[in-house]
Amino acid sequence: MKNHKKLHIQTWGCQMNVYDSSRMSDVLTPLGYQACDNASDADMVILNTCHIREKAAEKIYSELGRLRKHKEALAQDGRHMVIAVAGCVAQAEGAEVRRRAPWVDMVFGPQAYHQLPDMVRAAARGAGVVETDFPSEPKFDALPKSGGQGPSAFLTVQEGCDKFCTFCVVPYTRGAEYSRPVADVIAEARDLAALGAREITLLGQNVNAYHGEAPDQTGSAWSLGRLIEGLTDVDGLARVRYTTSHPLDMDEELIAAHRDIDILMPYLHLPVQSGSDRILEAMNRRHRSGDYRRVVDILRKSRPDIALSGDFIVGFPGETDKDFEETLALVRAVNYASAYSFKYSPRPGTTAAGMDEHVPEEIKSERLATLQALLDEQQTAFNRQTINAEIDVLIERIGKRDGQMIGRSPYNQSVYIDGAIDAGFAIGDLAKVRVKSGHANSVAADPVNSAADAA
């Protein structure tokens, strides 16, 4: 019997990192690695990192310090633990990770994990591996078939960014925009559906900038809207979502897809970052608040029930009280179903890091608290307005209460369903429920029918 080794991957950051971690596991499976839940049980630990949040690198080094102690303890028993740092911190820090933490065996960026078998072999020879080059051939061409992710799966269709927002490191850690060929995306979607995925979220740094090579290889490209239409032919696929979008790339075909394609869920994450045109210009966002509002108006005319989510940065260099009030005004005008908001923090190598007029930390904190209070109020109101509505929920996992299951609504709400197990529902089912209460971050519901009735 083959001696299996245990793999533990810790993932920080965006959904694309979650997808990348899943694919790393797929790449390592032929080498005998099986996933485990605890680093203490693992023969290999991979830290898949994100460089977006404040002090991200320091948090990784702190974790590496803890892993060093465990690695040394295992060595006393004759066991060797491989430690790897992957993702955007690895790409940005490169050899610095090995210099500060020489017990790390492998450091590799987001574009290099398809080379893991070679890196593992080099690490076994005692060679410290640093792989942060951008390969000439896309990594996707070398990846094995997906091992599956459950009823709700991620699928990367686009990577990289050409926008160069002044606060963002993504163009430097993920590279230039690249769109996977349509045929490859649809083939992976079929594989995921065959493994039980009922819902697929299409991922990209600027996913709605997707322009993948057409399956007939005529040289033409499909837009994201056309790709979603192509996914309607995938057997077993009931739902499609996509993230993250840029307001400038919301074209007519994609907006029409929200109106016309049933499997495309009525939810859109559309970051704006600020409601102030002066700050948007300083951020190099290339859109203005009026452009954003026009896109929202068109979307809501095409799909009146669409739930909108956004991203906001408060305290960007030079942001005044007036600029912040303009952000609050935009939030009130749009009325979000959910949103993410953060204090600005400088990223080394970005243009914004060298700007003058940095906002004091206490003012950032005050503004963030004010903004989050407004966003929380809107999210709670959105959840409560669904009370008494009958909706289809994709069951994703068992809840903590007896008989409870948890799923996701078409509007991306977490739905806690009491009595779901007694009703015969199972993970992966699309269950008809009636919402009975709405809360800040979720809604509660009861089954409308049993699974037998639904069948």
Protein backbone atom coordinates (compact mmCIF):
# COMPACT_ATOMS: atom_id res chain seq x y z
CA MET A 1 0.00 0.00 0.00
CA LYS A 2 1.28 3.44 -0.96
CA ASN A 3 2.53 5.54 1.98
CA HIS A 4 0.43 8.71 1.84
CA LYS A 5 1.83 12.00 3.06
CA LYS A 6 -0.26 14.70 4.66
CA LEU A 7 -0.69 18.20 3.25
CA HIS A 8 -2.01 21.25 5.09
CA ILE A 9 -2.68 24.52 3.22
CA GLN A 10 -3.49 27.74 5.06
CA THR A 11 -5.20 30.25 2.79
CA TRP A 12 -5.50 33.99 3.23
CA GLY A 13 -7.22 36.53 1.01
CA CYS A 14 -9.51 36.38 -1.98
CA GLN A 15 -11.53 33.59 -3.57
CA MET A 16 -8.80 33.24 -6.20
CA ASN A 17 -6.43 32.16 -3.46
CA VAL A 18 -9.02 29.60 -2.33
CA TYR A 19 -9.13 28.27 -5.91
CA ASP A 20 -5.32 28.24 -6.12
CA SER A 21 -5.09 26.27 -2.88
CA SER A 22 -7.50 23.69 -4.25
CA ARG A 23 -5.44 23.37 -7.43
CA MET A 24 -2.19 23.02 -5.45
CA SER A 25 -3.78 20.07 -3.69
CA ASP A 26 -4.71 18.60 -7.10
CA VAL A 27 -1.11 19.01 -8.32
CA LEU A 28 0.30 17.30 -5.21
CA THR A 29 -2.15 14.39 -5.11
CA PRO A 30 -0.17 12.28 -7.65
CA LEU A 31 2.86 12.69 -5.37
CA GLY A 32 0.93 10.94 -2.58
CA TYR A 33 -0.19 13.98 -0.58
CA GLN A 34 -3.60 13.98 1.09
CA ALA A 35 -5.18 17.03 2.72
CA CYS A 36 -5.35 17.28 6.51
CA ASP A 37 -6.87 19.89 8.81
CA ASN A 38 -3.95 20.59 11.14
CA ALA A 39 -0.42 21.78 10.45
CA SER A 40 0.80 19.63 13.35
CA ASP A 41 -0.19 16.48 11.44
CA ALA A 42 1.30 17.53 8.10
CA ASP A 43 4.36 16.48 6.16
CA MET A 44 4.00 19.64 4.07
CA VAL A 45 2.54 23.00 5.06
CA ILE A 46 1.83 25.64 2.43
CA LEU A 47 0.98 29.21 3.45
CA ASN A 48 -0.96 30.66 0.51
CA THR A 49 -0.67 34.35 1.17
CA CYS A 50 -2.36 37.64 0.31
CA HIS A 51 -0.60 41.01 0.09
CA ILE A 52 -3.70 43.22 0.13
CA ARG A 53 -4.34 43.58 3.85
CA GLU A 54 -2.29 45.63 6.30
CA LYS A 55 0.86 44.02 7.67
CA ALA A 56 0.16 40.85 5.66
CA ALA A 57 3.84 39.93 5.37
CA GLU A 58 4.50 40.31 9.10
CA LYS A 59 1.60 37.98 9.92
CA ILE A 60 3.15 35.37 7.63
CA TYR A 61 6.55 35.67 9.30
CA SER A 62 4.89 35.26 12.68
CA GLU A 63 3.21 32.06 11.47
CA LEU A 64 6.51 30.85 10.03
CA GLY A 65 8.08 31.30 13.46
CA ARG A 66 5.51 28.95 14.98
CA LEU A 67 6.01 26.42 12.18
CA ARG A 68 9.78 26.51 12.69
CA LYS A 69 9.40 25.24 16.25
CA HIS A 70 7.17 22.42 15.08
CA LYS A 71 9.53 21.53 12.23
CA GLU A 72 12.44 21.33 14.65
CA ALA A 73 10.45 19.14 17.05
CA LEU A 74 9.56 16.74 14.24
CA ALA A 75 13.20 16.58 13.15
CA GLN A 76 14.06 15.27 16.62
CA ASP A 77 11.83 12.26 15.78
CA GLY A 78 13.40 11.81 12.34
CA ARG A 79 10.50 13.41 10.44
CA HIS A 80 10.96 16.15 7.85
CA MET A 81 8.29 18.81 7.41
CA VAL A 82 8.35 20.79 4.17
CA ILE A 83 7.33 24.43 4.63
CA ALA A 84 6.32 26.53 1.65
CA VAL A 85 5.19 30.13 1.18
CA ALA A 86 3.00 30.71 -1.86
CA GLY A 87 0.81 33.48 -3.24
CA CYS A 88 1.19 37.23 -3.42
CA VAL A 89 3.47 37.79 -0.41
CA ALA A 90 5.81 35.18 -1.88
CA GLN A 91 5.72 36.95 -5.24
CA ALA A 92 6.33 40.39 -3.71
CA GLU A 93 8.95 39.36 -1.12
CA GLY A 94 10.74 36.68 -3.15
CA ALA A 95 14.15 35.76 -1.77
CA GLU A 96 13.51 37.97 1.27
CA VAL A 97 11.31 35.23 2.70
CA ARG A 98 14.16 32.74 2.53
CA ARG A 99 16.57 35.29 3.98
CA ARG A 100 14.35 36.04 6.99
CA ALA A 101 13.11 32.46 7.38
CA PRO A 102 15.80 30.10 6.04
CA TRP A 103 13.85 27.09 7.34
CA VAL A 104 11.33 27.68 4.56
CA ASP A 105 11.92 25.10 1.83
CA MET A 106 9.95 26.62 -1.05
CA VAL A 107 8.81 30.13 -2.02
CA PHE A 108 6.70 30.50 -5.14
CA GLY A 109 4.30 32.98 -6.67
CA PRO A 110 0.73 32.52 -7.93
CA GLN A 111 1.88 31.72 -11.46
CA ALA A 112 4.27 28.91 -10.50
CA TYR A 113 2.35 26.33 -8.48
CA HIS A 114 1.97 24.01 -11.48
CA GLN A 115 5.73 23.44 -11.02
CA LEU A 116 5.23 22.04 -7.50
CA PRO A 117 6.40 18.49 -8.35
CA ASP A 118 9.78 19.82 -9.51
CA MET A 119 10.01 22.15 -6.52
CA VAL A 120 9.25 19.31 -4.09
CA ARG A 121 11.98 17.18 -5.65
CA ALA A 122 14.47 20.07 -5.37
CA ALA A 123 13.49 20.68 -1.74
CA ALA A 124 14.02 16.98 -0.98
CA ARG A 125 17.62 17.39 -2.18
CA GLY A 126 18.06 20.21 0.33
CA ALA A 127 17.89 22.99 -2.22
CA GLY A 128 16.00 26.09 -1.13
CA VAL A 129 13.53 26.92 -3.90
CA VAL A 130 12.49 30.44 -4.91
CA GLU A 131 10.28 30.58 -8.00
CA THR A 132 8.76 33.99 -8.69
CA ASP A 133 9.22 34.36 -12.44
CA PHE A 134 6.21 34.83 -14.67
CA PRO A 135 6.24 31.77 -16.98
CA SER A 136 5.90 32.22 -20.73
CA GLU A 137 3.26 29.46 -20.86
CA PRO A 138 0.06 29.80 -18.76
CA LYS A 139 0.09 27.58 -15.69
CA PHE A 140 -3.42 26.30 -16.50
CA ASP A 141 -2.04 24.28 -19.44
CA ALA A 142 -0.03 22.14 -17.01
CA LEU A 143 -2.63 21.59 -14.28
CA PRO A 144 -4.36 18.21 -13.78
CA LYS A 145 -8.13 17.83 -13.71
CA SER A 146 -9.79 19.35 -10.67
CA GLY A 147 -10.35 17.08 -7.69
CA GLY A 148 -13.65 18.81 -6.94
CA GLN A 149 -14.67 21.42 -4.39
CA GLY A 150 -18.19 20.44 -3.33
CA PRO A 151 -21.59 21.87 -4.33
CA SER A 152 -20.22 25.42 -4.71
CA ALA A 153 -16.94 25.69 -6.62
CA PHE A 154 -14.52 28.36 -7.83
CA LEU A 155 -13.13 28.47 -11.36
CA THR A 156 -10.47 30.98 -12.39
CA VAL A 157 -11.13 32.32 -15.90
CA GLN A 158 -9.01 35.49 -15.84
CA GLU A 159 -5.90 36.56 -13.98
CA GLY A 160 -3.81 39.67 -13.64
CA CYS A 161 -4.66 43.34 -13.97
CA ASP A 162 -3.79 46.16 -16.38
CA LYS A 163 -5.57 48.91 -14.42
CA PHE A 164 -2.73 49.91 -12.04
CA CYS A 165 -4.77 51.48 -9.27
CA THR A 166 -2.30 53.45 -7.17
CA PHE A 167 -3.06 51.52 -3.96
CA CYS A 168 -2.84 47.99 -5.41
CA VAL A 169 -0.04 45.44 -5.77
CA VAL A 170 -1.97 42.98 -7.97
CA PRO A 171 -0.38 44.00 -11.30
CA TYR A 172 3.00 43.26 -9.75
CA THR A 173 2.09 39.99 -8.01
CA ARG A 174 -0.33 38.49 -10.56
CA GLY A 175 1.00 40.10 -13.74
CA ALA A 176 -0.77 41.35 -16.86
CA GLU A 177 -4.34 40.41 -17.70
CA TYR A 178 -4.74 36.92 -19.13
CA SER A 179 -7.99 35.22 -20.13
CA ARG A 180 -8.20 31.44 -20.39
CA PRO A 181 -9.54 29.97 -23.65
CA VAL A 182 -13.29 29.33 -23.66
CA ALA A 183 -12.90 25.62 -24.35
CA ASP A 184 -10.63 25.17 -21.31
CA VAL A 185 -13.04 27.01 -19.02
CA ILE A 186 -16.06 25.03 -20.18
CA ALA A 187 -14.14 21.74 -19.90
CA GLU A 188 -13.18 22.53 -16.30
CA ALA A 189 -16.76 23.56 -15.54
CA ARG A 190 -17.98 20.18 -16.86
CA ASP A 191 -15.43 18.41 -14.67
CA LEU A 192 -16.54 20.36 -11.59
CA ALA A 193 -20.22 19.70 -12.31
CA ALA A 194 -19.51 16.00 -12.78
CA LEU A 195 -17.89 16.03 -9.32
CA GLY A 196 -21.00 17.54 -7.73
CA ALA A 197 -20.74 21.31 -8.23
CA ARG A 198 -24.19 22.86 -8.64
CA GLU A 199 -22.84 26.42 -8.51
CA ILE A 200 -19.66 27.84 -10.03
CA THR A 201 -18.17 31.25 -9.29
CA LEU A 202 -16.01 32.53 -12.14
CA LEU A 203 -12.93 34.29 -10.77
CA GLY A 204 -10.63 37.01 -12.00
CA GLN A 205 -8.87 40.11 -10.75
CA ASN A 206 -10.92 41.93 -13.41
CA VAL A 207 -13.20 39.07 -14.34
CA ASN A 208 -15.51 41.15 -16.52
CA ALA A 209 -12.53 42.10 -18.67
CA TYR A 210 -12.53 38.45 -19.77
CA HIS A 211 -11.83 38.00 -23.50
CA GLY A 212 -11.08 34.31 -23.98
CA GLU A 213 -10.25 32.66 -27.27
CA ALA A 214 -13.39 31.28 -28.93
CA PRO A 215 -13.77 27.48 -29.00
CA ASP A 216 -13.69 27.42 -32.82
CA GLN A 217 -10.26 29.13 -32.69
CA THR A 218 -11.28 31.69 -35.29
CA GLY A 219 -9.20 34.31 -33.55
CA SER A 220 -12.23 36.02 -32.12
CA ALA A 221 -12.79 36.35 -28.37
CA TRP A 222 -15.78 35.72 -26.13
CA SER A 223 -16.77 38.26 -23.54
CA LEU A 224 -17.75 37.21 -20.03
CA GLY A 225 -21.44 37.51 -20.94
CA ARG A 226 -20.95 35.17 -23.89
CA LEU A 227 -18.99 32.74 -21.72
CA ILE A 228 -21.81 32.61 -19.16
CA GLU A 229 -24.23 31.83 -21.98
CA GLY A 230 -21.93 28.98 -23.05
CA LEU A 231 -22.02 27.56 -19.52
CA THR A 232 -25.80 27.05 -19.75
CA ASP A 233 -25.03 23.84 -21.68
CA VAL A 234 -23.07 22.28 -18.79
CA ASP A 235 -25.13 19.38 -17.41
CA GLY A 236 -25.90 19.67 -13.70
CA LEU A 237 -24.84 23.31 -13.40
CA ALA A 238 -27.66 25.29 -11.82
CA ARG A 239 -25.97 28.54 -10.81
CA VAL A 240 -23.22 30.88 -12.02
CA ARG A 241 -21.67 33.87 -10.26
CA TYR A 242 -18.57 35.95 -11.02
CA THR A 243 -16.17 38.19 -9.08
CA THR A 244 -14.41 40.65 -8.96
CA SER A 245 -15.62 43.22 -11.47
CA HIS A 246 -14.48 46.68 -12.55
CA PRO A 247 -17.14 49.30 -13.34
CA LEU A 248 -15.49 50.19 -16.66
CA ASP A 249 -15.83 46.60 -17.91
CA MET A 250 -19.59 46.21 -17.39
CA ASP A 251 -20.47 45.96 -21.09
CA GLU A 252 -23.91 45.62 -22.70
CA GLU A 253 -23.56 41.88 -23.28
CA LEU A 254 -22.82 41.21 -19.61
CA ILE A 255 -25.67 43.42 -18.41
CA ALA A 256 -28.01 41.63 -20.83
CA ALA A 257 -26.82 38.31 -19.38
CA HIS A 258 -28.15 39.38 -15.99
CA ARG A 259 -31.52 39.96 -17.63
CA ASP A 260 -31.69 36.91 -19.89
CA ILE A 261 -29.70 34.00 -18.40
CA ASP A 262 -31.53 32.14 -15.64
CA ILE A 263 -28.48 30.43 -14.14
CA LEU A 264 -26.70 33.78 -13.59
CA MET A 265 -27.55 34.74 -10.03
CA PRO A 266 -29.00 38.19 -9.22
CA TYR A 267 -25.93 39.30 -7.28
CA LEU A 268 -22.99 41.44 -8.34
CA HIS A 269 -19.86 42.51 -6.48
CA LEU A 270 -18.91 45.83 -8.09
CA PRO A 271 -16.17 47.71 -6.21
CA VAL A 272 -16.17 51.51 -6.33
CA GLN A 273 -13.61 52.29 -3.55
CA SER A 274 -14.70 55.93 -3.05
CA GLY A 275 -17.57 58.27 -3.83
CA SER A 276 -15.25 61.24 -4.33
CA ASP A 277 -14.16 61.97 -7.90
CA ARG A 278 -11.02 63.67 -6.60
CA ILE A 279 -10.01 60.55 -4.66
CA LEU A 280 -10.99 58.23 -7.52
CA GLU A 281 -8.62 60.20 -9.75
CA ALA A 282 -5.85 59.92 -7.17
CA MET A 283 -6.53 56.17 -7.03
CA ASN A 284 -6.30 55.95 -10.85
CA ARG A 285 -9.65 54.15 -10.87
CA ARG A 286 -10.47 55.56 -14.35
CA HIS A 287 -14.15 55.94 -13.51
CA ARG A 288 -16.01 58.62 -11.59
CA SER A 289 -18.89 58.34 -9.16
CA GLY A 290 -21.36 59.35 -11.89
CA ASP A 291 -20.09 56.57 -14.17
CA TYR A 292 -20.60 54.07 -11.36
CA ARG A 293 -24.13 55.25 -10.62
CA ARG A 294 -25.07 55.05 -14.31
CA VAL A 295 -23.89 51.43 -14.45
CA VAL A 296 -25.94 50.65 -11.34
CA ASP A 297 -29.03 52.29 -12.85
CA ILE A 298 -28.71 50.29 -16.08
CA LEU A 299 -28.18 47.05 -14.15
CA ARG A 300 -31.27 47.64 -12.03
CA LYS A 301 -33.37 48.40 -15.08
CA SER A 302 -32.22 45.12 -16.62
CA ARG A 303 -32.52 43.07 -13.41
CA PRO A 304 -34.61 44.96 -10.81
CA ASP A 305 -33.98 42.46 -7.99
CA ILE A 306 -30.19 42.42 -8.34
CA ALA A 307 -28.30 42.58 -5.03
CA LEU A 308 -25.22 44.79 -5.16
CA SER A 309 -22.03 44.49 -3.14
CA GLY A 310 -19.05 46.86 -3.13
CA ASP A 311 -15.57 47.62 -1.82
CA PHE A 312 -14.57 50.83 -0.06
CA ILE A 313 -11.25 52.27 1.10
CA VAL A 314 -11.42 55.05 3.68
CA GLY A 315 -8.58 57.39 4.62
CA PHE A 316 -6.80 57.32 1.24
CA PRO A 317 -4.00 59.92 1.16
CA GLY A 318 -5.51 63.39 0.86
CA GLU A 319 -9.06 62.30 1.69
CA THR A 320 -10.92 65.21 3.34
CA ASP A 321 -14.14 65.27 5.32
CA LYS A 322 -15.89 66.42 2.13
CA ASP A 323 -14.48 63.48 0.16
CA PHE A 324 -15.69 61.08 2.83
CA GLU A 325 -19.15 62.65 2.86
CA GLU A 326 -19.31 62.05 -0.90
CA THR A 327 -18.62 58.36 -0.26
CA LEU A 328 -21.46 58.23 2.26
CA ALA A 329 -23.73 59.95 -0.27
CA LEU A 330 -22.92 57.33 -2.91
CA VAL A 331 -23.62 54.51 -0.44
CA ARG A 332 -27.01 56.02 0.40
CA ALA A 333 -27.83 56.40 -3.30
CA VAL A 334 -26.84 52.85 -4.30
CA ASN A 335 -28.18 51.01 -1.22
CA TYR A 336 -25.98 47.92 -0.93
CA ALA A 337 -27.02 44.41 0.04
CA SER A 338 -23.51 43.82 1.37
CA ALA A 339 -20.10 45.46 1.19
CA TYR A 340 -16.48 45.30 2.31
CA SER A 341 -14.73 48.35 3.74
CA PHE A 342 -11.19 48.91 4.95
CA LYS A 343 -8.83 51.58 6.17
CA TYR A 344 -6.18 52.54 3.63
CA SER A 345 -2.76 51.10 4.40
CA PRO A 346 0.29 51.65 2.18
CA ARG A 347 1.72 48.82 0.12
CA PRO A 348 5.47 48.97 -0.66
CA GLY A 349 6.08 49.61 -4.35
CA THR A 350 2.70 51.23 -5.03
CA THR A 351 2.33 54.86 -6.10
CA ALA A 352 0.01 55.72 -3.21
CA ALA A 353 2.62 54.67 -0.64
CA GLY A 354 4.74 57.66 -1.67
CA MET A 355 1.91 60.20 -1.64
CA ASP A 356 1.73 63.10 0.76
CA GLU A 357 -1.14 63.96 3.12
CA HIS A 358 -1.58 60.58 4.75
CA VAL A 359 -4.69 60.58 6.92
CA PRO A 360 -4.12 60.12 10.68
CA GLU A 361 -5.00 56.65 11.94
CA GLU A 362 -7.63 57.87 14.40
CA ILE A 363 -9.49 59.73 11.63
CA LYS A 364 -9.38 56.62 9.44
CA SER A 365 -10.87 54.59 12.30
CA GLU A 366 -13.66 57.10 12.89
CA ARG A 367 -14.57 57.22 9.21
CA LEU A 368 -14.49 53.46 8.88
CA ALA A 369 -16.83 53.05 11.86
CA THR A 370 -19.27 55.58 10.37
CA LEU A 371 -19.21 53.90 6.95
CA GLN A 372 -19.58 50.40 8.36
CA ALA A 373 -22.54 51.44 10.49
CA LEU A 374 -24.32 52.67 7.34
CA LEU A 375 -23.41 49.57 5.34
CA ASP A 376 -24.51 47.27 8.17
CA GLU A 377 -27.83 49.10 8.35
CA GLN A 378 -28.36 48.60 4.61
CA GLN A 379 -27.37 44.92 4.73
CA THR A 380 -29.73 44.23 7.64
CA ALA A 381 -32.56 46.04 5.83
CA PHE A 382 -31.92 43.99 2.68
CA ASN A 383 -32.03 40.74 4.63
CA ARG A 384 -35.23 41.74 6.40
CA GLN A 385 -37.00 42.68 3.18
CA THR A 386 -36.77 39.04 2.10
CA ILE A 387 -38.90 37.92 5.08
CA ASN A 388 -41.83 35.73 3.88
CA ALA A 389 -40.24 35.31 0.45
CA GLU A 390 -39.90 31.80 -0.97
CA ILE A 391 -36.41 31.28 -2.40
CA ASP A 392 -34.23 28.44 -3.65
CA VAL A 393 -31.23 27.80 -1.44
CA LEU A 394 -28.17 25.75 -2.37
CA ILE A 395 -27.42 23.56 0.67
CA GLU A 396 -23.69 23.73 1.47
CA ARG A 397 -23.19 22.28 4.97
CA ILE A 398 -24.70 21.07 8.21
CA GLY A 399 -25.56 23.72 10.81
CA LYS A 400 -24.81 23.72 14.54
CA ARG A 401 -28.41 23.26 15.65
CA ASP A 402 -30.14 19.91 15.54
CA GLY A 403 -31.67 19.37 12.12
CA GLN A 404 -30.28 22.64 10.75
CA MET A 405 -28.52 23.08 7.40
CA ILE A 406 -26.87 26.15 5.91
CA GLY A 407 -26.97 27.30 2.33
CA ARG A 408 -26.78 30.33 0.07
CA SER A 409 -29.60 32.27 -1.52
CA PRO A 410 -29.59 33.60 -5.09
CA TYR A 411 -28.67 36.98 -3.53
CA ASN A 412 -25.57 35.47 -1.84
CA GLN A 413 -27.12 35.54 1.64
CA SER A 414 -26.20 32.90 4.19
CA VAL A 415 -29.44 31.03 4.93
CA TYR A 416 -29.92 28.98 8.12
CA ILE A 417 -32.68 26.41 7.55
CA ASP A 418 -34.26 24.85 10.61
CA GLY A 419 -35.75 21.41 10.09
CA ALA A 420 -33.86 20.87 6.85
CA ILE A 421 -32.60 17.40 7.81
CA ASP A 422 -36.09 16.27 8.87
CA ALA A 423 -37.35 17.56 5.51
CA GLY A 424 -34.89 15.20 3.82
CA PHE A 425 -32.60 17.79 2.27
CA ALA A 426 -28.95 16.95 1.61
CA ILE A 427 -25.79 18.88 0.82
CA GLY A 428 -25.91 19.90 -2.84
CA ASP A 429 -29.71 20.16 -2.99
CA LEU A 430 -31.51 23.24 -4.22
CA ALA A 431 -34.10 23.59 -1.47
CA LYS A 432 -37.24 25.72 -1.55
CA VAL A 433 -37.50 27.65 1.73
CA ARG A 434 -39.51 30.49 3.22
CA VAL A 435 -37.54 33.23 4.98
CA LYS A 436 -38.81 33.84 8.53
CA SER A 437 -36.29 36.39 9.86
CA GLY A 438 -33.49 38.64 8.65
CA HIS A 439 -30.35 39.54 10.58
CA ALA A 440 -27.16 41.53 10.07
CA ASN A 441 -25.25 38.79 8.26
CA SER A 442 -27.80 36.09 7.45
CA VAL A 443 -31.43 35.07 7.19
CA ALA A 444 -33.30 32.21 8.85
CA ALA A 445 -35.80 30.04 6.98
CA ASP A 446 -38.00 26.96 7.11
CA PRO A 447 -38.43 24.33 4.38
CA VAL A 448 -41.45 24.88 2.12
CA ASN A 449 -41.53 21.23 0.99
CA SER A 450 -39.73 18.05 1.87
CA ALA A 451 -37.03 16.77 -0.48
CA ALA A 452 -39.44 14.00 -1.53
CA ASP A 453 -42.10 16.57 -2.47
CA ALA A 454 -39.53 18.62 -4.41
CA ALA A 455 -38.48 15.53 -6.36
